[in-house]
Amino acid sequence: MLFNNQAIDMNSTIDGNNNVVDQDMNIDINMNSNGMGMGQNMEMMNNQSPIIEPVQERQVNRTFVHQVPHVCPIHTRIVNHHIFKHTYCPRYTCCEENVVCNIDQGSCCNFR
């Protein structure tokens, strides 16, 4: 890697199981074209912003058990069936009718 005319050789080994990082860094500082000496180059390097390394992410899995009560209404419907069984008993009755028949053989006027 070349950063501001400075050769930086970085070898990193990351073990994700126990978060161990082994890092070897070789820095070769050359004089730049402005004619600055070695001390000025080191001072310039110290005033630069720090290098931000890649984020290492850890994951923690947690399980939460929530007990949720549910009301299950059960309704009982009672249906009453009424059966009407019809029976028939004869009741005999009787009536009497009088029919009148008139035989008219004439009147007194007919004999004149």
PDB file of N, CA and C in Angstrom:
ATOM      1  N   MET A   1       0.861  -1.166   0.000  1.00  0.00           N
ATOM      2  CA  MET A   1       0.000   0.000   0.000  1.00  0.00           C
ATOM      3  C   MET A   1       0.905   1.227   0.000  1.00  0.00           C
ATOM      4  N   LEU A   2       0.540   2.250  -0.743  1.00  0.00           N
ATOM      5  CA  LEU A   2       1.329   3.477  -0.810  1.00  0.00           C
ATOM      6  C   LEU A   2       0.462   4.605  -0.291  1.00  0.00           C
ATOM      7  N   PHE A   3       0.914   5.302   0.737  1.00  0.00           N
ATOM      8  CA  PHE A   3       0.133   6.361   1.368  1.00  0.00           C
ATOM      9  C   PHE A   3       1.048   7.555   1.541  1.00  0.00           C
ATOM     10  N   ASN A   4       0.799   8.648   0.794  1.00  0.00           N
ATOM     11  CA  ASN A   4       1.645   9.854   0.848  1.00  0.00           C
ATOM     12  C   ASN A   4       3.127   9.515   0.639  1.00  0.00           C
ATOM     13  N   ASN A   5       3.419   8.790  -0.421  1.00  0.00           N
ATOM     14  CA  ASN A   5       4.785   8.393  -0.755  1.00  0.00           C
ATOM     15  C   ASN A   5       5.437   7.555   0.332  1.00  0.00           C
ATOM     16  N   GLN A   6       4.649   6.883   1.139  1.00  0.00           N
ATOM     17  CA  GLN A   6       5.187   6.034   2.191  1.00  0.00           C
ATOM     18  C   GLN A   6       4.716   4.618   1.908  1.00  0.00           C
ATOM     19  N   ALA A   7       5.626   3.715   1.834  1.00  0.00           N
ATOM     20  CA  ALA A   7       5.273   2.317   1.578  1.00  0.00           C
ATOM     21  C   ALA A   7       4.922   1.666   2.907  1.00  0.00           C
ATOM     22  N   ILE A   8       3.758   1.143   2.966  1.00  0.00           N
ATOM     23  CA  ILE A   8       3.304   0.479   4.191  1.00  0.00           C
ATOM     24  C   ILE A   8       2.934  -0.946   3.816  1.00  0.00           C
ATOM     25  N   ASP A   9       3.553  -1.900   4.466  1.00  0.00           N
ATOM     26  CA  ASP A   9       3.271  -3.310   4.233  1.00  0.00           C
ATOM     27  C   ASP A   9       2.559  -3.836   5.463  1.00  0.00           C
ATOM     28  N   MET A  10       1.314  -4.266   5.272  1.00  0.00           N
ATOM     29  CA  MET A  10       0.524  -4.721   6.425  1.00  0.00           C
ATOM     30  C   MET A  10       0.096  -6.158   6.183  1.00  0.00           C
ATOM     31  N   ASN A  11       0.373  -7.023   7.120  1.00  0.00           N
ATOM     32  CA  ASN A  11      -0.100  -8.407   7.096  1.00  0.00           C
ATOM     33  C   ASN A  11      -0.918  -8.615   8.357  1.00  0.00           C
ATOM     34  N   SER A  12      -2.181  -8.982   8.169  1.00  0.00           N
ATOM     35  CA  SER A  12      -3.057  -9.152   9.334  1.00  0.00           C
ATOM     36  C   SER A  12      -3.620 -10.553   9.340  1.00  0.00           C
ATOM     37  N   THR A  13      -3.727 -11.115  10.507  1.00  0.00           N
ATOM     38  CA  THR A  13      -4.386 -12.405  10.699  1.00  0.00           C
ATOM     39  C   THR A  13      -5.426 -12.209  11.787  1.00  0.00           C
ATOM     40  N   ILE A  14      -6.671 -12.534  11.456  1.00  0.00           N
ATOM     41  CA  ILE A  14      -7.760 -12.356  12.433  1.00  0.00           C
ATOM     42  C   ILE A  14      -8.361 -13.718  12.702  1.00  0.00           C
ATOM     43  N   ASP A  15      -8.412 -14.097  13.961  1.00  0.00           N
ATOM     44  CA  ASP A  15      -9.052 -15.344  14.375  1.00  0.00           C
ATOM     45  C   ASP A  15     -10.400 -14.964  14.977  1.00  0.00           C
ATOM     46  N   GLY A  16     -11.479 -15.315  14.301  1.00  0.00           N
ATOM     47  CA  GLY A  16     -12.800 -14.874  14.741  1.00  0.00           C
ATOM     48  C   GLY A  16     -13.344 -15.613  15.943  1.00  0.00           C
ATOM     49  N   ASN A  17     -12.756 -16.765  16.296  1.00  0.00           N
ATOM     50  CA  ASN A  17     -13.310 -17.530  17.414  1.00  0.00           C
ATOM     51  C   ASN A  17     -13.013 -16.893  18.765  1.00  0.00           C
ATOM     52  N   ASN A  18     -11.806 -16.372  18.926  1.00  0.00           N
ATOM     53  CA  ASN A  18     -11.487 -15.763  20.217  1.00  0.00           C
ATOM     54  C   ASN A  18     -11.008 -14.323  20.067  1.00  0.00           C
ATOM     55  N   ASN A  19     -11.294 -13.705  18.906  1.00  0.00           N
ATOM     56  CA  ASN A  19     -11.017 -12.302  18.656  1.00  0.00           C
ATOM     57  C   ASN A  19      -9.535 -11.939  18.872  1.00  0.00           C
ATOM     58  N   VAL A  20      -8.607 -12.760  18.372  1.00  0.00           N
ATOM     59  CA  VAL A  20      -7.180 -12.488  18.457  1.00  0.00           C
ATOM     60  C   VAL A  20      -6.744 -11.898  17.128  1.00  0.00           C
ATOM     61  N   VAL A  21      -6.041 -10.786  17.156  1.00  0.00           N
ATOM     62  CA  VAL A  21      -5.558 -10.140  15.941  1.00  0.00           C
ATOM     63  C   VAL A  21      -4.037 -10.077  16.016  1.00  0.00           C
ATOM     64  N   ASP A  22      -3.364 -10.703  15.025  1.00  0.00           N
ATOM     65  CA  ASP A  22      -1.908 -10.599  14.892  1.00  0.00           C
ATOM     66  C   ASP A  22      -1.658  -9.693  13.709  1.00  0.00           C
ATOM     67  N   GLN A  23      -0.855  -8.656  13.907  1.00  0.00           N
ATOM     68  CA  GLN A  23      -0.632  -7.712  12.814  1.00  0.00           C
ATOM     69  C   GLN A  23       0.844  -7.363  12.746  1.00  0.00           C
ATOM     70  N   ASP A  24       1.421  -7.518  11.547  1.00  0.00           N
ATOM     71  CA  ASP A  24       2.796  -7.108  11.289  1.00  0.00           C
ATOM     72  C   ASP A  24       2.750  -5.902  10.377  1.00  0.00           C
ATOM     73  N   MET A  25       3.514  -4.858  10.708  1.00  0.00           N
ATOM     74  CA  MET A  25       3.485  -3.634   9.910  1.00  0.00           C
ATOM     75  C   MET A  25       4.919  -3.180   9.650  1.00  0.00           C
ATOM     76  N   ASN A  26       5.262  -3.045   8.361  1.00  0.00           N
ATOM     77  CA  ASN A  26       6.569  -2.518   7.966  1.00  0.00           C
ATOM     78  C   ASN A  26       6.331  -1.190   7.276  1.00  0.00           C
ATOM     79  N   ILE A  27       6.989  -0.146   7.703  1.00  0.00           N
ATOM     80  CA  ILE A  27       6.818   1.183   7.133  1.00  0.00           C
ATOM     81  C   ILE A  27       8.153   1.629   6.553  1.00  0.00           C
ATOM     82  N   ASP A  28       8.150   2.032   5.268  1.00  0.00           N
ATOM     83  CA  ASP A  28       9.341   2.551   4.597  1.00  0.00           C
ATOM     84  C   ASP A  28       9.085   4.018   4.305  1.00  0.00           C
ATOM     85  N   ILE A  29       9.798   4.896   4.948  1.00  0.00           N
ATOM     86  CA  ILE A  29       9.597   6.332   4.781  1.00  0.00           C
ATOM     87  C   ILE A  29      10.687   6.862   3.869  1.00  0.00           C
ATOM     88  N   ASN A  30      10.298   7.383   2.715  1.00  0.00           N
ATOM     89  CA  ASN A  30      11.237   7.992   1.769  1.00  0.00           C
ATOM     90  C   ASN A  30      11.093   9.495   1.837  1.00  0.00           C
ATOM     91  N   MET A  31      12.140  10.177   1.465  1.00  0.00           N
ATOM     92  CA  MET A  31      12.054  11.635   1.410  1.00  0.00           C
ATOM     93  C   MET A  31      11.220  12.012   0.211  1.00  0.00           C
ATOM     94  N   ASN A  32      10.321  12.943   0.394  1.00  0.00           N
ATOM     95  CA  ASN A  32       9.471  13.340  -0.728  1.00  0.00           C
ATOM     96  C   ASN A  32      10.176  14.410  -1.556  1.00  0.00           C
ATOM     97  N   SER A  33       9.506  14.874  -2.567  1.00  0.00           N
ATOM     98  CA  SER A  33      10.141  15.783  -3.532  1.00  0.00           C
ATOM     99  C   SER A  33      10.349  17.179  -2.962  1.00  0.00           C
ATOM    100  N   ASN A  34       9.795  17.528  -1.815  1.00  0.00           N
ATOM    101  CA  ASN A  34       9.967  18.865  -1.246  1.00  0.00           C
ATOM    102  C   ASN A  34      11.309  19.008  -0.524  1.00  0.00           C
ATOM    103  N   GLY A  35      12.049  17.939  -0.348  1.00  0.00           N
ATOM    104  CA  GLY A  35      13.352  18.030   0.297  1.00  0.00           C
ATOM    105  C   GLY A  35      13.264  18.006   1.808  1.00  0.00           C
ATOM    106  N   MET A  36      12.168  17.543   2.381  1.00  0.00           N
ATOM    107  CA  MET A  36      12.050  17.478   3.839  1.00  0.00           C
ATOM    108  C   MET A  36      12.898  16.337   4.363  1.00  0.00           C
ATOM    109  N   GLY A  37      13.386  16.498   5.536  1.00  0.00           N
ATOM    110  CA  GLY A  37      14.203  15.458   6.138  1.00  0.00           C
ATOM    111  C   GLY A  37      13.335  14.388   6.790  1.00  0.00           C
ATOM    112  N   MET A  38      14.016  13.397   7.372  1.00  0.00           N
ATOM    113  CA  MET A  38      13.325  12.269   7.991  1.00  0.00           C
ATOM    114  C   MET A  38      12.497  12.698   9.184  1.00  0.00           C
ATOM    115  N   GLY A  39      13.003  13.600   9.981  1.00  0.00           N
ATOM    116  CA  GLY A  39      12.259  14.038  11.158  1.00  0.00           C
ATOM    117  C   GLY A  39      10.982  14.753  10.785  1.00  0.00           C
ATOM    118  N   GLN A  40      11.050  15.545   9.721  1.00  0.00           N
ATOM    119  CA  GLN A  40       9.841  16.252   9.287  1.00  0.00           C
ATOM    120  C   GLN A  40       8.819  15.267   8.730  1.00  0.00           C
ATOM    121  N   ASN A  41       9.266  14.219   8.041  1.00  0.00           N
ATOM    122  CA  ASN A  41       8.339  13.201   7.532  1.00  0.00           C
ATOM    123  C   ASN A  41       7.640  12.487   8.678  1.00  0.00           C
ATOM    124  N   MET A  42       8.369  12.167   9.729  1.00  0.00           N
ATOM    125  CA  MET A  42       7.768  11.496  10.880  1.00  0.00           C
ATOM    126  C   MET A  42       6.769  12.409  11.562  1.00  0.00           C
ATOM    127  N   GLU A  43       7.114  13.693  11.651  1.00  0.00           N
ATOM    128  CA  GLU A  43       6.188  14.640  12.267  1.00  0.00           C
ATOM    129  C   GLU A  43       4.923  14.750  11.427  1.00  0.00           C
ATOM    130  N   MET A  44       5.047  14.768  10.106  1.00  0.00           N
ATOM    131  CA  MET A  44       3.890  14.856   9.228  1.00  0.00           C
ATOM    132  C   MET A  44       3.026  13.605   9.358  1.00  0.00           C
ATOM    133  N   MET A  45       3.675  12.467   9.526  1.00  0.00           N
ATOM    134  CA  MET A  45       2.926  11.224   9.660  1.00  0.00           C
ATOM    135  C   MET A  45       2.165  11.189  10.986  1.00  0.00           C
ATOM    136  N   ASN A  46       2.717  11.766  12.023  1.00  0.00           N
ATOM    137  CA  ASN A  46       2.044  11.782  13.319  1.00  0.00           C
ATOM    138  C   ASN A  46       0.851  12.735  13.335  1.00  0.00           C
ATOM    139  N   ASN A  47       0.863  13.734  12.464  1.00  0.00           N
ATOM    140  CA  ASN A  47      -0.246  14.688  12.437  1.00  0.00           C
ATOM    141  C   ASN A  47      -1.407  14.213  11.561  1.00  0.00           C
ATOM    142  N   GLN A  48      -1.233  13.114  10.887  1.00  0.00           N
ATOM    143  CA  GLN A  48      -2.294  12.637  10.005  1.00  0.00           C
ATOM    144  C   GLN A  48      -3.376  11.933  10.804  1.00  0.00           C
ATOM    145  N   SER A  49      -4.544  11.830  10.188  1.00  0.00           N
ATOM    146  CA  SER A  49      -5.667  11.130  10.832  1.00  0.00           C
ATOM    147  C   SER A  49      -5.343   9.651  10.983  1.00  0.00           C
ATOM    148  N   PRO A  50      -5.837   9.029  12.019  1.00  0.00           N
ATOM    149  CA  PRO A  50      -5.540   7.605  12.218  1.00  0.00           C
ATOM    150  C   PRO A  50      -6.235   6.755  11.152  1.00  0.00           C
ATOM    151  N   ILE A  51      -5.650   5.622  10.889  1.00  0.00           N
ATOM    152  CA  ILE A  51      -6.240   4.683   9.936  1.00  0.00           C
ATOM    153  C   ILE A  51      -7.359   3.932  10.649  1.00  0.00           C
ATOM    154  N   ILE A  52      -8.511   3.941  10.033  1.00  0.00           N
ATOM    155  CA  ILE A  52      -9.663   3.255  10.632  1.00  0.00           C
ATOM    156  C   ILE A  52      -9.718   1.844  10.047  1.00  0.00           C
ATOM    157  N   GLU A  53      -9.614   0.881  10.906  1.00  0.00           N
ATOM    158  CA  GLU A  53      -9.614  -0.525  10.506  1.00  0.00           C
ATOM    159  C   GLU A  53     -11.053  -0.986  10.233  1.00  0.00           C
ATOM    160  N   PRO A  54     -11.196  -2.076   9.506  1.00  0.00           N
ATOM    161  CA  PRO A  54     -12.540  -2.615   9.264  1.00  0.00           C
ATOM    162  C   PRO A  54     -13.206  -3.039  10.573  1.00  0.00           C
ATOM    163  N   VAL A  55     -14.495  -2.907  10.602  1.00  0.00           N
ATOM    164  CA  VAL A  55     -15.263  -3.234  11.806  1.00  0.00           C
ATOM    165  C   VAL A  55     -15.317  -4.745  11.971  1.00  0.00           C
ATOM    166  N   GLN A  56     -15.050  -5.193  13.168  1.00  0.00           N
ATOM    167  CA  GLN A  56     -15.231  -6.598  13.508  1.00  0.00           C
ATOM    168  C   GLN A  56     -16.571  -6.711  14.219  1.00  0.00           C
ATOM    169  N   GLU A  57     -17.356  -7.611  13.761  1.00  0.00           N
ATOM    170  CA  GLU A  57     -18.712  -7.722  14.309  1.00  0.00           C
ATOM    171  C   GLU A  57     -18.854  -9.012  15.091  1.00  0.00           C
ATOM    172  N   ARG A  58     -19.436  -8.905  16.251  1.00  0.00           N
ATOM    173  CA  ARG A  58     -19.771 -10.074  17.054  1.00  0.00           C
ATOM    174  C   ARG A  58     -21.275 -10.248  17.016  1.00  0.00           C
ATOM    175  N   GLN A  59     -21.728 -11.456  17.098  1.00  0.00           N
ATOM    176  CA  GLN A  59     -23.163 -11.726  17.101  1.00  0.00           C
ATOM    177  C   GLN A  59     -23.507 -12.499  18.354  1.00  0.00           C
ATOM    178  N   VAL A  60     -24.498 -12.011  19.075  1.00  0.00           N
ATOM    179  CA  VAL A  60     -24.988 -12.670  20.276  1.00  0.00           C
ATOM    180  C   VAL A  60     -26.432 -13.051  20.009  1.00  0.00           C
ATOM    181  N   ASN A  61     -26.737 -14.327  20.085  1.00  0.00           N
ATOM    182  CA  ASN A  61     -28.111 -14.798  19.884  1.00  0.00           C
ATOM    183  C   ASN A  61     -28.770 -14.978  21.240  1.00  0.00           C
ATOM    184  N   ARG A  62     -29.899 -14.331  21.414  1.00  0.00           N
ATOM    185  CA  ARG A  62     -30.660 -14.457  22.653  1.00  0.00           C
ATOM    186  C   ARG A  62     -32.059 -14.934  22.309  1.00  0.00           C
ATOM    187  N   THR A  63     -32.630 -15.737  23.161  1.00  0.00           N
ATOM    188  CA  THR A  63     -33.973 -16.272  22.945  1.00  0.00           C
ATOM    189  C   THR A  63     -34.861 -15.825  24.092  1.00  0.00           C
ATOM    190  N   PHE A  64     -35.992 -15.241  23.754  1.00  0.00           N
ATOM    191  CA  PHE A  64     -36.958 -14.803  24.746  1.00  0.00           C
ATOM    192  C   PHE A  64     -38.229 -15.627  24.559  1.00  0.00           C
ATOM    193  N   VAL A  65     -38.750 -16.175  25.635  1.00  0.00           N
ATOM    194  CA  VAL A  65     -39.997 -16.936  25.582  1.00  0.00           C
ATOM    195  C   VAL A  65     -41.070 -16.086  26.251  1.00  0.00           C
ATOM    196  N   HIS A  66     -42.104 -15.788  25.502  1.00  0.00           N
ATOM    197  CA  HIS A  66     -43.212 -14.990  26.016  1.00  0.00           C
ATOM    198  C   HIS A  66     -44.435 -15.888  26.106  1.00  0.00           C
ATOM    199  N   GLN A  67     -45.057 -15.905  27.277  1.00  0.00           N
ATOM    200  CA  GLN A  67     -46.274 -16.697  27.438  1.00  0.00           C
ATOM    201  C   GLN A  67     -47.455 -15.773  27.187  1.00  0.00           C
ATOM    202  N   VAL A  68     -48.235 -16.085  26.171  1.00  0.00           N
ATOM    203  CA  VAL A  68     -49.358 -15.254  25.767  1.00  0.00           C
ATOM    204  C   VAL A  68     -50.640 -16.046  26.007  1.00  0.00           C
ATOM    205  N   PRO A  69     -51.444 -15.669  27.004  1.00  0.00           N
ATOM    206  CA  PRO A  69     -52.688 -16.409  27.247  1.00  0.00           C
ATOM    207  C   PRO A  69     -53.742 -16.049  26.197  1.00  0.00           C
ATOM    208  N   HIS A  70     -54.445 -17.052  25.755  1.00  0.00           N
ATOM    209  CA  HIS A  70     -55.528 -16.867  24.794  1.00  0.00           C
ATOM    210  C   HIS A  70     -56.819 -17.364  25.429  1.00  0.00           C
ATOM    211  N   VAL A  71     -57.871 -16.597  25.306  1.00  0.00           N
ATOM    212  CA  VAL A  71     -59.181 -17.001  25.797  1.00  0.00           C
ATOM    213  C   VAL A  71     -59.902 -17.674  24.645  1.00  0.00           C
ATOM    214  N   CYS A  72     -60.319 -18.900  24.854  1.00  0.00           N
ATOM    215  CA  CYS A  72     -61.043 -19.654  23.826  1.00  0.00           C
ATOM    216  C   CYS A  72     -62.475 -19.850  24.313  1.00  0.00           C
ATOM    217  N   PRO A  73     -63.400 -18.952  23.967  1.00  0.00           N
ATOM    218  CA  PRO A  73     -64.773 -19.085  24.455  1.00  0.00           C
ATOM    219  C   PRO A  73     -65.468 -20.285  23.812  1.00  0.00           C
ATOM    220  N   ILE A  74     -66.149 -21.057  24.634  1.00  0.00           N
ATOM    221  CA  ILE A  74     -66.910 -22.209  24.161  1.00  0.00           C
ATOM    222  C   ILE A  74     -68.347 -21.985  24.603  1.00  0.00           C
ATOM    223  N   HIS A  75     -69.225 -21.847  23.655  1.00  0.00           N
ATOM    224  CA  HIS A  75     -70.633 -21.570  23.925  1.00  0.00           C
ATOM    225  C   HIS A  75     -71.437 -22.841  23.678  1.00  0.00           C
ATOM    226  N   THR A  76     -72.301 -23.196  24.638  1.00  0.00           N
ATOM    227  CA  THR A  76     -73.164 -24.363  24.482  1.00  0.00           C
ATOM    228  C   THR A  76     -74.566 -23.881  24.181  1.00  0.00           C
ATOM    229  N   ARG A  77     -75.107 -24.346  23.072  1.00  0.00           N
ATOM    230  CA  ARG A  77     -76.478 -23.992  22.687  1.00  0.00           C
ATOM    231  C   ARG A  77     -77.337 -25.225  22.901  1.00  0.00           C
ATOM    232  N   ILE A  78     -78.419 -25.053  23.657  1.00  0.00           N
ATOM    233  CA  ILE A  78     -79.364 -26.149  23.905  1.00  0.00           C
ATOM    234  C   ILE A  78     -80.583 -25.909  23.028  1.00  0.00           C
ATOM    235  N   VAL A  79     -80.909 -26.910  22.231  1.00  0.00           N
ATOM    236  CA  VAL A  79     -82.075 -26.824  21.352  1.00  0.00           C
ATOM    237  C   VAL A  79     -83.090 -27.839  21.858  1.00  0.00           C
ATOM    238  N   ASN A  80     -84.246 -27.344  22.262  1.00  0.00           N
ATOM    239  CA  ASN A  80     -85.330 -28.211  22.738  1.00  0.00           C
ATOM    240  C   ASN A  80     -86.263 -28.513  21.567  1.00  0.00           C
ATOM    241  N   HIS A  81     -86.457 -29.779  21.298  1.00  0.00           N
ATOM    242  CA  HIS A  81     -87.354 -30.200  20.219  1.00  0.00           C
ATOM    243  C   HIS A  81     -88.666 -30.663  20.856  1.00  0.00           C
ATOM    244  N   HIS A  82     -89.760 -30.029  20.469  1.00  0.00           N
ATOM    245  CA  HIS A  82     -91.097 -30.399  20.967  1.00  0.00           C
ATOM    246  C   HIS A  82     -91.816 -31.146  19.855  1.00  0.00           C
ATOM    247  N   ILE A  83     -92.202 -32.351  20.147  1.00  0.00           N
ATOM    248  CA  ILE A  83     -92.889 -33.182  19.162  1.00  0.00           C
ATOM    249  C   ILE A  83     -94.335 -33.331  19.632  1.00  0.00           C
ATOM    250  N   PHE A  84     -95.253 -32.948  18.781  1.00  0.00           N
ATOM    251  CA  PHE A  84     -96.681 -33.087  19.087  1.00  0.00           C
ATOM    252  C   PHE A  84     -97.201 -34.302  18.321  1.00  0.00           C
ATOM    253  N   LYS A  85     -97.520 -35.333  19.055  1.00  0.00           N
ATOM    254  CA  LYS A  85     -98.072 -36.538  18.443  1.00  0.00           C
ATOM    255  C   LYS A  85     -99.577 -36.444  18.544  1.00  0.00           C
ATOM    256  N   HIS A  86    -100.221 -36.421  17.415  1.00  0.00           N
ATOM    257  CA  HIS A  86    -101.681 -36.258  17.381  1.00  0.00           C
ATOM    258  C   HIS A  86    -102.334 -37.634  17.396  1.00  0.00           C
ATOM    259  N   THR A  87    -103.274 -37.770  18.273  1.00  0.00           N
ATOM    260  CA  THR A  87    -104.086 -38.997  18.341  1.00  0.00           C
ATOM    261  C   THR A  87    -105.540 -38.603  18.128  1.00  0.00           C
ATOM    262  N   TYR A  88    -106.322 -39.517  17.606  1.00  0.00           N
ATOM    263  CA  TYR A  88    -107.719 -39.213  17.289  1.00  0.00           C
ATOM    264  C   TYR A  88    -108.607 -40.245  17.989  1.00  0.00           C
ATOM    265  N   CYS A  89    -109.597 -39.717  18.712  1.00  0.00           N
ATOM    266  CA  CYS A  89    -110.607 -40.544  19.368  1.00  0.00           C
ATOM    267  C   CYS A  89    -111.968 -40.117  18.801  1.00  0.00           C
ATOM    268  N   PRO A  90    -112.706 -40.996  18.256  1.00  0.00           N
ATOM    269  CA  PRO A  90    -114.017 -40.586  17.719  1.00  0.00           C
ATOM    270  C   PRO A  90    -114.998 -40.247  18.841  1.00  0.00           C
ATOM    271  N   ARG A  91    -115.726 -39.175  18.677  1.00  0.00           N
ATOM    272  CA  ARG A  91    -116.815 -38.788  19.594  1.00  0.00           C
ATOM    273  C   ARG A  91    -118.060 -38.688  18.742  1.00  0.00           C
ATOM    274  N   TYR A  92    -118.932 -39.528  19.012  1.00  0.00           N
ATOM    275  CA  TYR A  92    -120.158 -39.572  18.202  1.00  0.00           C
ATOM    276  C   TYR A  92    -121.175 -38.621  18.805  1.00  0.00           C
ATOM    277  N   THR A  93    -121.756 -37.869  17.954  1.00  0.00           N
ATOM    278  CA  THR A  93    -122.844 -36.983  18.358  1.00  0.00           C
ATOM    279  C   THR A  93    -124.026 -37.258  17.430  1.00  0.00           C
ATOM    280  N   CYS A  94    -125.099 -36.691  17.779  1.00  0.00           N
ATOM    281  CA  CYS A  94    -126.311 -36.934  17.017  1.00  0.00           C
ATOM    282  C   CYS A  94    -127.113 -35.649  16.978  1.00  0.00           C
ATOM    283  N   CYS A  95    -127.799 -35.451  15.909  1.00  0.00           N
ATOM    284  CA  CYS A  95    -128.689 -34.298  15.830  1.00  0.00           C
ATOM    285  C   CYS A  95    -130.013 -34.780  15.215  1.00  0.00           C
ATOM    286  N   GLU A  96    -131.002 -34.008  15.412  1.00  0.00           N
ATOM    287  CA  GLU A  96    -132.336 -34.361  14.900  1.00  0.00           C
ATOM    288  C   GLU A  96    -132.865 -33.168  14.152  1.00  0.00           C
ATOM    289  N   GLU A  97    -133.480 -33.466  13.017  1.00  0.00           N
ATOM    290  CA  GLU A  97    -134.015 -32.402  12.185  1.00  0.00           C
ATOM    291  C   GLU A  97    -135.465 -32.756  11.858  1.00  0.00           C
ATOM    292  N   ASN A  98    -136.293 -31.778  11.928  1.00  0.00           N
ATOM    293  CA  ASN A  98    -137.711 -31.970  11.598  1.00  0.00           C
ATOM    294  C   ASN A  98    -138.013 -31.258  10.292  1.00  0.00           C
ATOM    295  N   VAL A  99    -138.543 -31.977   9.359  1.00  0.00           N
ATOM    296  CA  VAL A  99    -138.920 -31.433   8.065  1.00  0.00           C
ATOM    297  C   VAL A  99    -140.465 -31.413   8.016  1.00  0.00           C
ATOM    298  N   VAL A 100    -140.978 -30.291   7.702  1.00  0.00           N
ATOM    299  CA  VAL A 100    -142.443 -30.134   7.650  1.00  0.00           C
ATOM    300  C   VAL A 100    -142.846 -30.062   6.185  1.00  0.00           C
ATOM    301  N   CYS A 101    -143.818 -30.799   5.865  1.00  0.00           N
ATOM    302  CA  CYS A 101    -144.338 -30.799   4.509  1.00  0.00           C
ATOM    303  C   CYS A 101    -145.846 -30.467   4.580  1.00  0.00           C
ATOM    304  N   ASN A 102    -146.247 -29.484   3.843  1.00  0.00           N
ATOM    305  CA  ASN A 102    -147.654 -29.067   3.867  1.00  0.00           C
ATOM    306  C   ASN A 102    -148.360 -29.565   2.598  1.00  0.00           C
ATOM    307  N   ILE A 103    -149.407 -30.177   2.809  1.00  0.00           N
ATOM    308  CA  ILE A 103    -150.253 -30.570   1.691  1.00  0.00           C
ATOM    309  C   ILE A 103    -151.459 -29.631   1.740  1.00  0.00           C
ATOM    310  N   ASP A 104    -151.558 -28.877   0.717  1.00  0.00           N
ATOM    311  CA  ASP A 104    -152.640 -27.880   0.672  1.00  0.00           C
ATOM    312  C   ASP A 104    -153.584 -28.288  -0.467  1.00  0.00           C
ATOM    313  N   GLN A 105    -154.740 -28.567  -0.097  1.00  0.00           N
ATOM    314  CA  GLN A 105    -155.722 -28.999  -1.100  1.00  0.00           C
ATOM    315  C   GLN A 105    -156.602 -27.865  -1.579  1.00  0.00           C
ATOM    316  N   GLY A 106    -156.256 -26.792  -1.277  1.00  0.00           N
ATOM    317  CA  GLY A 106    -157.027 -25.641  -1.716  1.00  0.00           C
ATOM    318  C   GLY A 106    -157.512 -24.872  -0.523  1.00  0.00           C
ATOM    319  N   SER A 107    -158.161 -23.809  -0.851  1.00  0.00           N
ATOM    320  CA  SER A 107    -158.672 -22.972   0.214  1.00  0.00           C
ATOM    321  C   SER A 107    -160.191 -22.829   0.043  1.00  0.00           C
ATOM    322  N   CYS A 108    -160.703 -22.101   0.920  1.00  0.00           N
ATOM    323  CA  CYS A 108    -162.118 -21.874   0.850  1.00  0.00           C
ATOM    324  C   CYS A 108    -162.493 -21.110  -0.410  1.00  0.00           C
ATOM    325  N   CYS A 109    -161.673 -20.398  -0.921  1.00  0.00           N
ATOM    326  CA  CYS A 109    -161.936 -19.575  -2.116  1.00  0.00           C
ATOM    327  C   CYS A 109    -162.031 -20.471  -3.355  1.00  0.00           C
ATOM    328  N   ASN A 110    -161.414 -21.604  -3.284  1.00  0.00           N
ATOM    329  CA  ASN A 110    -161.375 -22.464  -4.437  1.00  0.00           C
ATOM    330  C   ASN A 110    -162.771 -23.162  -4.627  1.00  0.00           C
ATOM    331  N   PHE A 111    -163.530 -23.148  -3.665  1.00  0.00           N
ATOM    332  CA  PHE A 111    -164.805 -23.841  -3.727  1.00  0.00           C
ATOM    333  C   PHE A 111    -165.920 -22.914  -4.164  1.00  0.00           C
ATOM    334  N   ARG A 112    -165.843 -21.880  -4.623  1.00  0.00           N
ATOM    335  CA  ARG A 112    -166.908 -20.969  -5.007  1.00  0.00           C
ATOM    336  C   ARG A 112    -167.491 -21.325  -6.259  1.00  0.00           C
TER     337      ARG A 112
END
